[in-house]
C-alpha cells in the first residue's frame, strides 16, 4: 500500500478513536436503548414538550453513533476494494478507491470537529441577523447577498430556515433581516460568523461602473432551550407594536401584529413580524431577546477568559472578519484564520465549510492557518 494511503488510513483510524471517546461509546449505546424504550411508550405524547426533547436527544445520539459506524464501514470497504483492484491490476478501480479513501479523511476531520461542539448552546438552533452598513443601496444589496449565502449554506446542510423579520431597502436589497436556522449544531457551526463582512466589487448601481467597498454586519445568537436559564425583568423591556410589512393585496396584515422589544439596560432591540398573531410574534420576540442577552454574556465571558492572550481574535459585533473581493480579482479571505479561496462564486452560493471549520479549529486549538484554491 502506498505511503500516502497508509497515512490517510491511520489519520481516519485516529479520528474514529477520538469520535468513540467523545461519544463515550458504551454509555451512549446504553442511553440510546433507554431512549428507544421511552419513545416507544404510547403515553409519551401526553407531554409533547418532553416527547420532543427525548426524540431530539435520541436523534442526536443515533446520528453520532451511525455516522461513526458508517465511516468505519466505508474505510474498511474501500481498503478491501483497493486491495482487490491492486491484485487485479485494474487502474480505474484503484483510482476510484484511492479517491474515496482520501475523501474519508476530510469527512473524518469534519466529524471530529463537530464532536467537539460541546458548549452549552452549541447543539441549538441559531438566530442569524444581517444589518446593512453605511452606503445606501450598495450596502443594502450586499446585506441581501449575505442573507442568501447563509440561507443556501443552511439548505445544503439540511437545516430549515425561517424568516422572522425583514426590512427592505428603498431601491434594492435589505436594511436588515433575521432568520432562524433550525438543526443540530446550527449555533455551534455559525457562532464564529458574528462580525463585519466587507465586499469589494464594481457596483451594479453605479452608472460609471466604479469599484465600491461595502460593509454589512452579521450577528449569530443561540435559540435558548429549557436547559439554559436567562432571566429578564419585564419592567426592563419596552414593547412597541406596528403593522407588519408585506407585499400587499388580499393577504396584507391590517392589524398591528408585529412587535418590537427594546431591552432598556442593554439597548438590545429585537422585532418579529413573521406571524399574523401578535401573541405568537411576542413569544418569538422573547425568544430572540433571551438569545441576544445570553450571547452577550457568553461574549463577555470569552473576552474575559482571553484578555491576557496576545493571540486573541476579536469576533464580536463591529469587528471585520472577512473580505469578499470580486474586482479586480476574485478572493474571499478570512482575516482571523487566513483561510482564503478564489472561488468567490461558490462561497456566495453557500460554500462556507472551509471557513467555519477553520474558525472552529482555531477556537478549540488556537490554530487554523490554511489556504484553499
Foldseek 3Di string as FASTA:
>chain_A
DDPVLVVLLVLLVVLLVLLCVLLVPVVLVVVLVVLVVLLVPPCNCVPVVVNVVSVVSNVVSCCSVVVSVVLVVLSVVLVVQLVVCVVVVPPVSNVVSSVSSNVSSVVSLVSSLLSPLPPPQQFFKKKKKKAFDPDAPQSQQVSQLVVLQACLQLVVVVWDKAWWDFAAGPPHHTRMTMIITGGTRNCVLCQLVFEKEKEWAQDPVDPVRDIDITIMGMHMFGQDDPVDDFDDDPVQKDKDFAAGDDPDDPPGQPDRQKMWIARNVVRDIDIGDRDSHNVVRVVVRVRVVSRVVVVVVVVVVVCVVCVPPPLDDDRHYHHYFWYAYPPPAGKIAGPNQREMDSPSVVSSSHPCVLVSSQVSCCVVPVHRHDYDD
